[in-house]
Amino acid sequence: MGESADLLMLEFLGWISSRRRTYSEAINAWQSTCPRHTVWEDAIIEGLIQLDGNGHPRDTEVKLTPRGVAMLNGGR
């Protein structure tokens, strides 16, 4: 990732960690059709977030994985 992509990812991870976020809320706020802004997809591919729930978007919680927490705290 480039520097601006890293900063966007850190913003996304911080947003997720700031309070409970549902899948519906997160996807509405962060999904993009622009190939240059793929923070949601990149976070899933890189194992930085996980989905916990019963499969219904409003009940499924988006959480940081240990790897996501490490990245947010300055580790990689």
PDB file of N, CA and C in Angstrom:
ATOM      1  N   MET A   1       0.831  -1.176   0.000  1.00  0.00           N
ATOM      2  CA  MET A   1       0.000   0.000   0.000  1.00  0.00           C
ATOM      3  C   MET A   1       0.874   1.236   0.000  1.00  0.00           C
ATOM      4  N   GLY A   2       0.403   2.275  -0.676  1.00  0.00           N
ATOM      5  CA  GLY A   2       1.099   3.542  -0.635  1.00  0.00           C
ATOM      6  C   GLY A   2       0.779   4.280   0.648  1.00  0.00           C
ATOM      7  N   GLU A   3       1.477   5.397   0.853  1.00  0.00           N
ATOM      8  CA  GLU A   3       1.302   6.142   2.105  1.00  0.00           C
ATOM      9  C   GLU A   3      -0.135   6.626   2.297  1.00  0.00           C
ATOM     10  N   SER A   4      -0.754   7.156   1.239  1.00  0.00           N
ATOM     11  CA  SER A   4      -2.130   7.641   1.386  1.00  0.00           C
ATOM     12  C   SER A   4      -3.095   6.487   1.651  1.00  0.00           C
ATOM     13  N   ALA A   5      -2.844   5.329   1.036  1.00  0.00           N
ATOM     14  CA  ALA A   5      -3.682   4.151   1.287  1.00  0.00           C
ATOM     15  C   ALA A   5      -3.506   3.681   2.726  1.00  0.00           C
ATOM     16  N   ASP A   6      -2.275   3.719   3.242  1.00  0.00           N
ATOM     17  CA  ASP A   6      -2.028   3.345   4.639  1.00  0.00           C
ATOM     18  C   ASP A   6      -2.787   4.269   5.589  1.00  0.00           C
ATOM     19  N   LEU A   7      -2.763   5.564   5.301  1.00  0.00           N
ATOM     20  CA  LEU A   7      -3.469   6.520   6.158  1.00  0.00           C
ATOM     21  C   LEU A   7      -4.973   6.286   6.123  1.00  0.00           C
ATOM     22  N   LEU A   8      -5.497   5.995   4.947  1.00  0.00           N
ATOM     23  CA  LEU A   8      -6.922   5.701   4.828  1.00  0.00           C
ATOM     24  C   LEU A   8      -7.274   4.420   5.584  1.00  0.00           C
ATOM     25  N   MET A   9      -6.403   3.413   5.488  1.00  0.00           N
ATOM     26  CA  MET A   9      -6.646   2.164   6.212  1.00  0.00           C
ATOM     27  C   MET A   9      -6.632   2.418   7.714  1.00  0.00           C
ATOM     28  N   LEU A  10      -5.691   3.217   8.191  1.00  0.00           N
ATOM     29  CA  LEU A  10      -5.640   3.530   9.622  1.00  0.00           C
ATOM     30  C   LEU A  10      -6.892   4.285  10.062  1.00  0.00           C
ATOM     31  N   GLU A  11      -7.377   5.180   9.217  1.00  0.00           N
ATOM     32  CA  GLU A  11      -8.618   5.888   9.529  1.00  0.00           C
ATOM     33  C   GLU A  11      -9.787   4.903   9.615  1.00  0.00           C
ATOM     34  N   PHE A  12      -9.849   3.983   8.666  1.00  0.00           N
ATOM     35  CA  PHE A  12     -10.902   2.970   8.655  1.00  0.00           C
ATOM     36  C   PHE A  12     -10.833   2.095   9.902  1.00  0.00           C
ATOM     37  N   LEU A  13      -9.649   1.606  10.234  1.00  0.00           N
ATOM     38  CA  LEU A  13      -9.495   0.747  11.409  1.00  0.00           C
ATOM     39  C   LEU A  13      -9.848   1.496  12.691  1.00  0.00           C
ATOM     40  N   GLY A  14      -9.451   2.756  12.772  1.00  0.00           N
ATOM     41  CA  GLY A  14      -9.806   3.575  13.927  1.00  0.00           C
ATOM     42  C   GLY A  14     -11.306   3.783  14.031  1.00  0.00           C
ATOM     43  N   TRP A  15     -11.948   3.971  12.882  1.00  0.00           N
ATOM     44  CA  TRP A  15     -13.403   4.140  12.840  1.00  0.00           C
ATOM     45  C   TRP A  15     -14.090   2.871  13.332  1.00  0.00           C
ATOM     46  N   ILE A  16     -13.618   1.714  12.879  1.00  0.00           N
ATOM     47  CA  ILE A  16     -14.188   0.430  13.309  1.00  0.00           C
ATOM     48  C   ILE A  16     -14.009   0.251  14.815  1.00  0.00           C
ATOM     49  N   SER A  17     -12.835   0.590  15.322  1.00  0.00           N
ATOM     50  CA  SER A  17     -12.537   0.319  16.734  1.00  0.00           C
ATOM     51  C   SER A  17     -13.160   1.328  17.695  1.00  0.00           C
ATOM     52  N   SER A  18     -13.648   2.452  17.191  1.00  0.00           N
ATOM     53  CA  SER A  18     -14.135   3.509  18.084  1.00  0.00           C
ATOM     54  C   SER A  18     -15.432   3.149  18.804  1.00  0.00           C
ATOM     55  N   ARG A  19     -16.233   2.273  18.202  1.00  0.00           N
ATOM     56  CA  ARG A  19     -17.464   1.795  18.839  1.00  0.00           C
ATOM     57  C   ARG A  19     -17.984   0.612  18.036  1.00  0.00           C
ATOM     58  N   ARG A  20     -19.023  -0.026  18.531  1.00  0.00           N
ATOM     59  CA  ARG A  20     -19.612  -1.165  17.820  1.00  0.00           C
ATOM     60  C   ARG A  20     -20.107  -0.694  16.457  1.00  0.00           C
ATOM     61  N   ARG A  21     -19.720  -1.424  15.408  1.00  0.00           N
ATOM     62  CA  ARG A  21     -20.146  -1.105  14.041  1.00  0.00           C
ATOM     63  C   ARG A  21     -20.783  -2.334  13.421  1.00  0.00           C
ATOM     64  N   THR A  22     -21.925  -2.143  12.796  1.00  0.00           N
ATOM     65  CA  THR A  22     -22.561  -3.250  12.092  1.00  0.00           C
ATOM     66  C   THR A  22     -22.052  -3.297  10.659  1.00  0.00           C
ATOM     67  N   TYR A  23     -22.252  -4.450  10.043  1.00  0.00           N
ATOM     68  CA  TYR A  23     -21.893  -4.610   8.636  1.00  0.00           C
ATOM     69  C   TYR A  23     -22.612  -3.562   7.790  1.00  0.00           C
ATOM     70  N   SER A  24     -23.910  -3.389   8.012  1.00  0.00           N
ATOM     71  CA  SER A  24     -24.684  -2.418   7.226  1.00  0.00           C
ATOM     72  C   SER A  24     -24.100  -1.019   7.343  1.00  0.00           C
ATOM     73  N   GLU A  25     -23.789  -0.619   8.555  1.00  0.00           N
ATOM     74  CA  GLU A  25     -23.229   0.713   8.788  1.00  0.00           C
ATOM     75  C   GLU A  25     -21.866   0.862   8.111  1.00  0.00           C
ATOM     76  N   ALA A  26     -21.019  -0.133   8.279  1.00  0.00           N
ATOM     77  CA  ALA A  26     -19.665  -0.059   7.727  1.00  0.00           C
ATOM     78  C   ALA A  26     -19.664  -0.075   6.204  1.00  0.00           C
ATOM     79  N   ILE A  27     -20.448  -0.945   5.608  1.00  0.00           N
ATOM     80  CA  ILE A  27     -20.443  -1.043   4.152  1.00  0.00           C
ATOM     81  C   ILE A  27     -21.038   0.217   3.535  1.00  0.00           C
ATOM     82  N   ASN A  28     -22.044   0.805   4.172  1.00  0.00           N
ATOM     83  CA  ASN A  28     -22.617   2.055   3.667  1.00  0.00           C
ATOM     84  C   ASN A  28     -21.630   3.204   3.750  1.00  0.00           C
ATOM     85  N   ALA A  29     -20.818   3.221   4.788  1.00  0.00           N
ATOM     86  CA  ALA A  29     -19.867   4.312   4.975  1.00  0.00           C
ATOM     87  C   ALA A  29     -18.583   4.137   4.169  1.00  0.00           C
ATOM     88  N   TRP A  30     -18.144   2.898   3.927  1.00  0.00           N
ATOM     89  CA  TRP A  30     -16.807   2.674   3.398  1.00  0.00           C
ATOM     90  C   TRP A  30     -16.719   1.951   2.064  1.00  0.00           C
ATOM     91  N   GLN A  31     -17.779   1.362   1.575  1.00  0.00           N
ATOM     92  CA  GLN A  31     -17.688   0.665   0.291  1.00  0.00           C
ATOM     93  C   GLN A  31     -17.507   1.683  -0.827  1.00  0.00           C
ATOM     94  N   SER A  32     -16.692   1.337  -1.803  1.00  0.00           N
ATOM     95  CA  SER A  32     -16.431   2.230  -2.926  1.00  0.00           C
ATOM     96  C   SER A  32     -16.410   1.439  -4.221  1.00  0.00           C
ATOM     97  N   THR A  33     -16.873   2.059  -5.272  1.00  0.00           N
ATOM     98  CA  THR A  33     -16.774   1.443  -6.596  1.00  0.00           C
ATOM     99  C   THR A  33     -15.541   1.944  -7.331  1.00  0.00           C
ATOM    100  N   CYS A  34     -14.807   2.836  -6.704  1.00  0.00           N
ATOM    101  CA  CYS A  34     -13.582   3.360  -7.305  1.00  0.00           C
ATOM    102  C   CYS A  34     -12.437   2.393  -7.029  1.00  0.00           C
ATOM    103  N   PRO A  35     -11.755   1.933  -8.078  1.00  0.00           N
ATOM    104  CA  PRO A  35     -10.665   0.975  -7.863  1.00  0.00           C
ATOM    105  C   PRO A  35      -9.482   1.548  -7.082  1.00  0.00           C
ATOM    106  N   ARG A  36      -9.448   2.841  -6.881  1.00  0.00           N
ATOM    107  CA  ARG A  36      -8.356   3.458  -6.115  1.00  0.00           C
ATOM    108  C   ARG A  36      -8.680   3.584  -4.635  1.00  0.00           C
ATOM    109  N   HIS A  37      -9.915   3.324  -4.261  1.00  0.00           N
ATOM    110  CA  HIS A  37     -10.342   3.447  -2.864  1.00  0.00           C
ATOM    111  C   HIS A  37     -11.024   2.156  -2.433  1.00  0.00           C
ATOM    112  N   THR A  38     -10.216   1.163  -2.149  1.00  0.00           N
ATOM    113  CA  THR A  38     -10.745  -0.171  -1.845  1.00  0.00           C
ATOM    114  C   THR A  38     -10.484  -0.567  -0.393  1.00  0.00           C
ATOM    115  N   VAL A  39     -10.593   0.380   0.519  1.00  0.00           N
ATOM    116  CA  VAL A  39     -10.215   0.132   1.907  1.00  0.00           C
ATOM    117  C   VAL A  39     -11.005  -1.027   2.518  1.00  0.00           C
ATOM    118  N   TRP A  40     -12.292  -1.103   2.251  1.00  0.00           N
ATOM    119  CA  TRP A  40     -13.122  -2.190   2.793  1.00  0.00           C
ATOM    120  C   TRP A  40     -12.609  -3.531   2.296  1.00  0.00           C
ATOM    121  N   GLU A  41     -12.446  -3.659   0.986  1.00  0.00           N
ATOM    122  CA  GLU A  41     -11.993  -4.912   0.390  1.00  0.00           C
ATOM    123  C   GLU A  41     -10.577  -5.261   0.841  1.00  0.00           C
ATOM    124  N   ASP A  42      -9.697  -4.260   0.875  1.00  0.00           N
ATOM    125  CA  ASP A  42      -8.315  -4.494   1.302  1.00  0.00           C
ATOM    126  C   ASP A  42      -8.253  -4.984   2.748  1.00  0.00           C
ATOM    127  N   ALA A  43      -9.077  -4.423   3.615  1.00  0.00           N
ATOM    128  CA  ALA A  43      -9.082  -4.835   5.025  1.00  0.00           C
ATOM    129  C   ALA A  43      -9.501  -6.293   5.174  1.00  0.00           C
ATOM    130  N   ILE A  44     -10.447  -6.727   4.366  1.00  0.00           N
ATOM    131  CA  ILE A  44     -10.868  -8.131   4.413  1.00  0.00           C
ATOM    132  C   ILE A  44      -9.771  -9.034   3.864  1.00  0.00           C
ATOM    133  N   ILE A  45      -9.230  -8.684   2.702  1.00  0.00           N
ATOM    134  CA  ILE A  45      -8.187  -9.495   2.063  1.00  0.00           C
ATOM    135  C   ILE A  45      -6.957  -9.616   2.956  1.00  0.00           C
ATOM    136  N   GLU A  46      -6.584  -8.520   3.625  1.00  0.00           N
ATOM    137  CA  GLU A  46      -5.387  -8.509   4.470  1.00  0.00           C
ATOM    138  C   GLU A  46      -5.640  -9.072   5.868  1.00  0.00           C
ATOM    139  N   GLY A  47      -6.861  -9.491   6.139  1.00  0.00           N
ATOM    140  CA  GLY A  47      -7.170 -10.082   7.442  1.00  0.00           C
ATOM    141  C   GLY A  47      -7.171  -9.085   8.581  1.00  0.00           C
ATOM    142  N   LEU A  48      -7.566  -7.841   8.308  1.00  0.00           N
ATOM    143  CA  LEU A  48      -7.564  -6.797   9.328  1.00  0.00           C
ATOM    144  C   LEU A  48      -8.899  -6.664  10.046  1.00  0.00           C
ATOM    145  N   ILE A  49      -9.973  -7.126   9.400  1.00  0.00           N
ATOM    146  CA  ILE A  49     -11.300  -7.095  10.010  1.00  0.00           C
ATOM    147  C   ILE A  49     -11.954  -8.458   9.862  1.00  0.00           C
ATOM    148  N   GLN A  50     -12.939  -8.699  10.712  1.00  0.00           N
ATOM    149  CA  GLN A  50     -13.732  -9.928  10.620  1.00  0.00           C
ATOM    150  C   GLN A  50     -15.188  -9.571  10.864  1.00  0.00           C
ATOM    151  N   LEU A  51     -16.063 -10.432  10.398  1.00  0.00           N
ATOM    152  CA  LEU A  51     -17.496 -10.245  10.590  1.00  0.00           C
ATOM    153  C   LEU A  51     -17.983 -11.271  11.593  1.00  0.00           C
ATOM    154  N   ASP A  52     -18.695 -10.805  12.619  1.00  0.00           N
ATOM    155  CA  ASP A  52     -19.249 -11.665  13.663  1.00  0.00           C
ATOM    156  C   ASP A  52     -20.754 -11.483  13.707  1.00  0.00           C
ATOM    157  N   GLY A  53     -21.486 -12.545  13.504  1.00  0.00           N
ATOM    158  CA  GLY A  53     -22.932 -12.424  13.597  1.00  0.00           C
ATOM    159  C   GLY A  53     -23.659 -13.566  12.936  1.00  0.00           C
ATOM    160  N   ASN A  54     -24.951 -13.368  12.789  1.00  0.00           N
ATOM    161  CA  ASN A  54     -25.812 -14.420  12.268  1.00  0.00           C
ATOM    162  C   ASN A  54     -26.033 -14.339  10.766  1.00  0.00           C
ATOM    163  N   GLY A  55     -25.353 -13.431  10.107  1.00  0.00           N
ATOM    164  CA  GLY A  55     -25.492 -13.311   8.666  1.00  0.00           C
ATOM    165  C   GLY A  55     -26.393 -12.183   8.223  1.00  0.00           C
ATOM    166  N   HIS A  56     -27.223 -11.660   9.116  1.00  0.00           N
ATOM    167  CA  HIS A  56     -28.074 -10.529   8.754  1.00  0.00           C
ATOM    168  C   HIS A  56     -27.253  -9.251   8.902  1.00  0.00           C
ATOM    169  N   PRO A  57     -27.177  -8.409   7.865  1.00  0.00           N
ATOM    170  CA  PRO A  57     -26.310  -7.229   7.888  1.00  0.00           C
ATOM    171  C   PRO A  57     -26.488  -6.309   9.089  1.00  0.00           C
ATOM    172  N   ARG A  58     -27.714  -6.144   9.575  1.00  0.00           N
ATOM    173  CA  ARG A  58     -27.878  -5.199  10.691  1.00  0.00           C
ATOM    174  C   ARG A  58     -27.452  -5.808  12.021  1.00  0.00           C
ATOM    175  N   ASP A  59     -27.322  -7.133  12.076  1.00  0.00           N
ATOM    176  CA  ASP A  59     -26.907  -7.809  13.304  1.00  0.00           C
ATOM    177  C   ASP A  59     -25.445  -8.238  13.287  1.00  0.00           C
ATOM    178  N   THR A  60     -24.835  -8.250  12.130  1.00  0.00           N
ATOM    179  CA  THR A  60     -23.452  -8.693  12.002  1.00  0.00           C
ATOM    180  C   THR A  60     -22.520  -7.549  12.375  1.00  0.00           C
ATOM    181  N   GLU A  61     -21.614  -7.821  13.301  1.00  0.00           N
ATOM    182  CA  GLU A  61     -20.678  -6.810  13.781  1.00  0.00           C
ATOM    183  C   GLU A  61     -19.354  -6.922  13.036  1.00  0.00           C
ATOM    184  N   VAL A  62     -18.785  -5.775  12.711  1.00  0.00           N
ATOM    185  CA  VAL A  62     -17.462  -5.714  12.100  1.00  0.00           C
ATOM    186  C   VAL A  62     -16.471  -5.457  13.224  1.00  0.00           C
ATOM    187  N   LYS A  63     -15.455  -6.307  13.322  1.00  0.00           N
ATOM    188  CA  LYS A  63     -14.461  -6.191  14.392  1.00  0.00           C
ATOM    189  C   LYS A  63     -13.061  -6.246  13.804  1.00  0.00           C
ATOM    190  N   LEU A  64     -12.128  -5.656  14.519  1.00  0.00           N
ATOM    191  CA  LEU A  64     -10.724  -5.778  14.138  1.00  0.00           C
ATOM    192  C   LEU A  64     -10.218  -7.159  14.527  1.00  0.00           C
ATOM    193  N   THR A  65      -9.383  -7.719  13.692  1.00  0.00           N
ATOM    194  CA  THR A  65      -8.673  -8.947  14.035  1.00  0.00           C
ATOM    195  C   THR A  65      -7.431  -8.546  14.829  1.00  0.00           C
ATOM    196  N   PRO A  66      -6.722  -9.496  15.419  1.00  0.00           N
ATOM    197  CA  PRO A  66      -5.463  -9.147  16.083  1.00  0.00           C
ATOM    198  C   PRO A  66      -4.494  -8.427  15.130  1.00  0.00           C
ATOM    199  N   ARG A  67      -4.491  -8.838  13.892  1.00  0.00           N
ATOM    200  CA  ARG A  67      -3.634  -8.168  12.898  1.00  0.00           C
ATOM    201  C   ARG A  67      -4.089  -6.720  12.672  1.00  0.00           C
ATOM    202  N   GLY A  68      -5.404  -6.491  12.644  1.00  0.00           N
ATOM    203  CA  GLY A  68      -5.935  -5.141  12.498  1.00  0.00           C
ATOM    204  C   GLY A  68      -5.585  -4.264  13.687  1.00  0.00           C
ATOM    205  N   VAL A  69      -5.684  -4.823  14.887  1.00  0.00           N
ATOM    206  CA  VAL A  69      -5.311  -4.089  16.102  1.00  0.00           C
ATOM    207  C   VAL A  69      -3.834  -3.720  16.055  1.00  0.00           C
ATOM    208  N   ALA A  70      -2.996  -4.668  15.646  1.00  0.00           N
ATOM    209  CA  ALA A  70      -1.554  -4.410  15.562  1.00  0.00           C
ATOM    210  C   ALA A  70      -1.259  -3.292  14.567  1.00  0.00           C
ATOM    211  N   MET A  71      -1.922  -3.314  13.418  1.00  0.00           N
ATOM    212  CA  MET A  71      -1.690  -2.261  12.426  1.00  0.00           C
ATOM    213  C   MET A  71      -2.129  -0.912  12.975  1.00  0.00           C
ATOM    214  N   LEU A  72      -3.276  -0.878  13.624  1.00  0.00           N
ATOM    215  CA  LEU A  72      -3.775   0.370  14.193  1.00  0.00           C
ATOM    216  C   LEU A  72      -2.831   0.907  15.263  1.00  0.00           C
ATOM    217  N   ASN A  73      -2.200   0.009  16.004  1.00  0.00           N
ATOM    218  CA  ASN A  73      -1.278   0.405  17.069  1.00  0.00           C
ATOM    219  C   ASN A  73       0.144   0.633  16.583  1.00  0.00           C
ATOM    220  N   GLY A  74       0.341   0.629  15.272  1.00  0.00           N
ATOM    221  CA  GLY A  74       1.653   0.958  14.722  1.00  0.00           C
ATOM    222  C   GLY A  74       2.483  -0.211  14.276  1.00  0.00           C
ATOM    223  N   GLY A  75       2.035  -1.420  14.510  1.00  0.00           N
ATOM    224  CA  GLY A  75       2.766  -2.597  14.047  1.00  0.00           C
ATOM    225  C   GLY A  75       2.259  -3.034  12.699  1.00  0.00           C
ATOM    226  N   ARG A  76       2.948  -3.963  12.081  1.00  0.00           N
ATOM    227  CA  ARG A  76       2.509  -4.476  10.779  1.00  0.00           C
ATOM    228  C   ARG A  76       2.468  -5.944  10.805  1.00  0.00           C
TER     229      ARG A  76
END
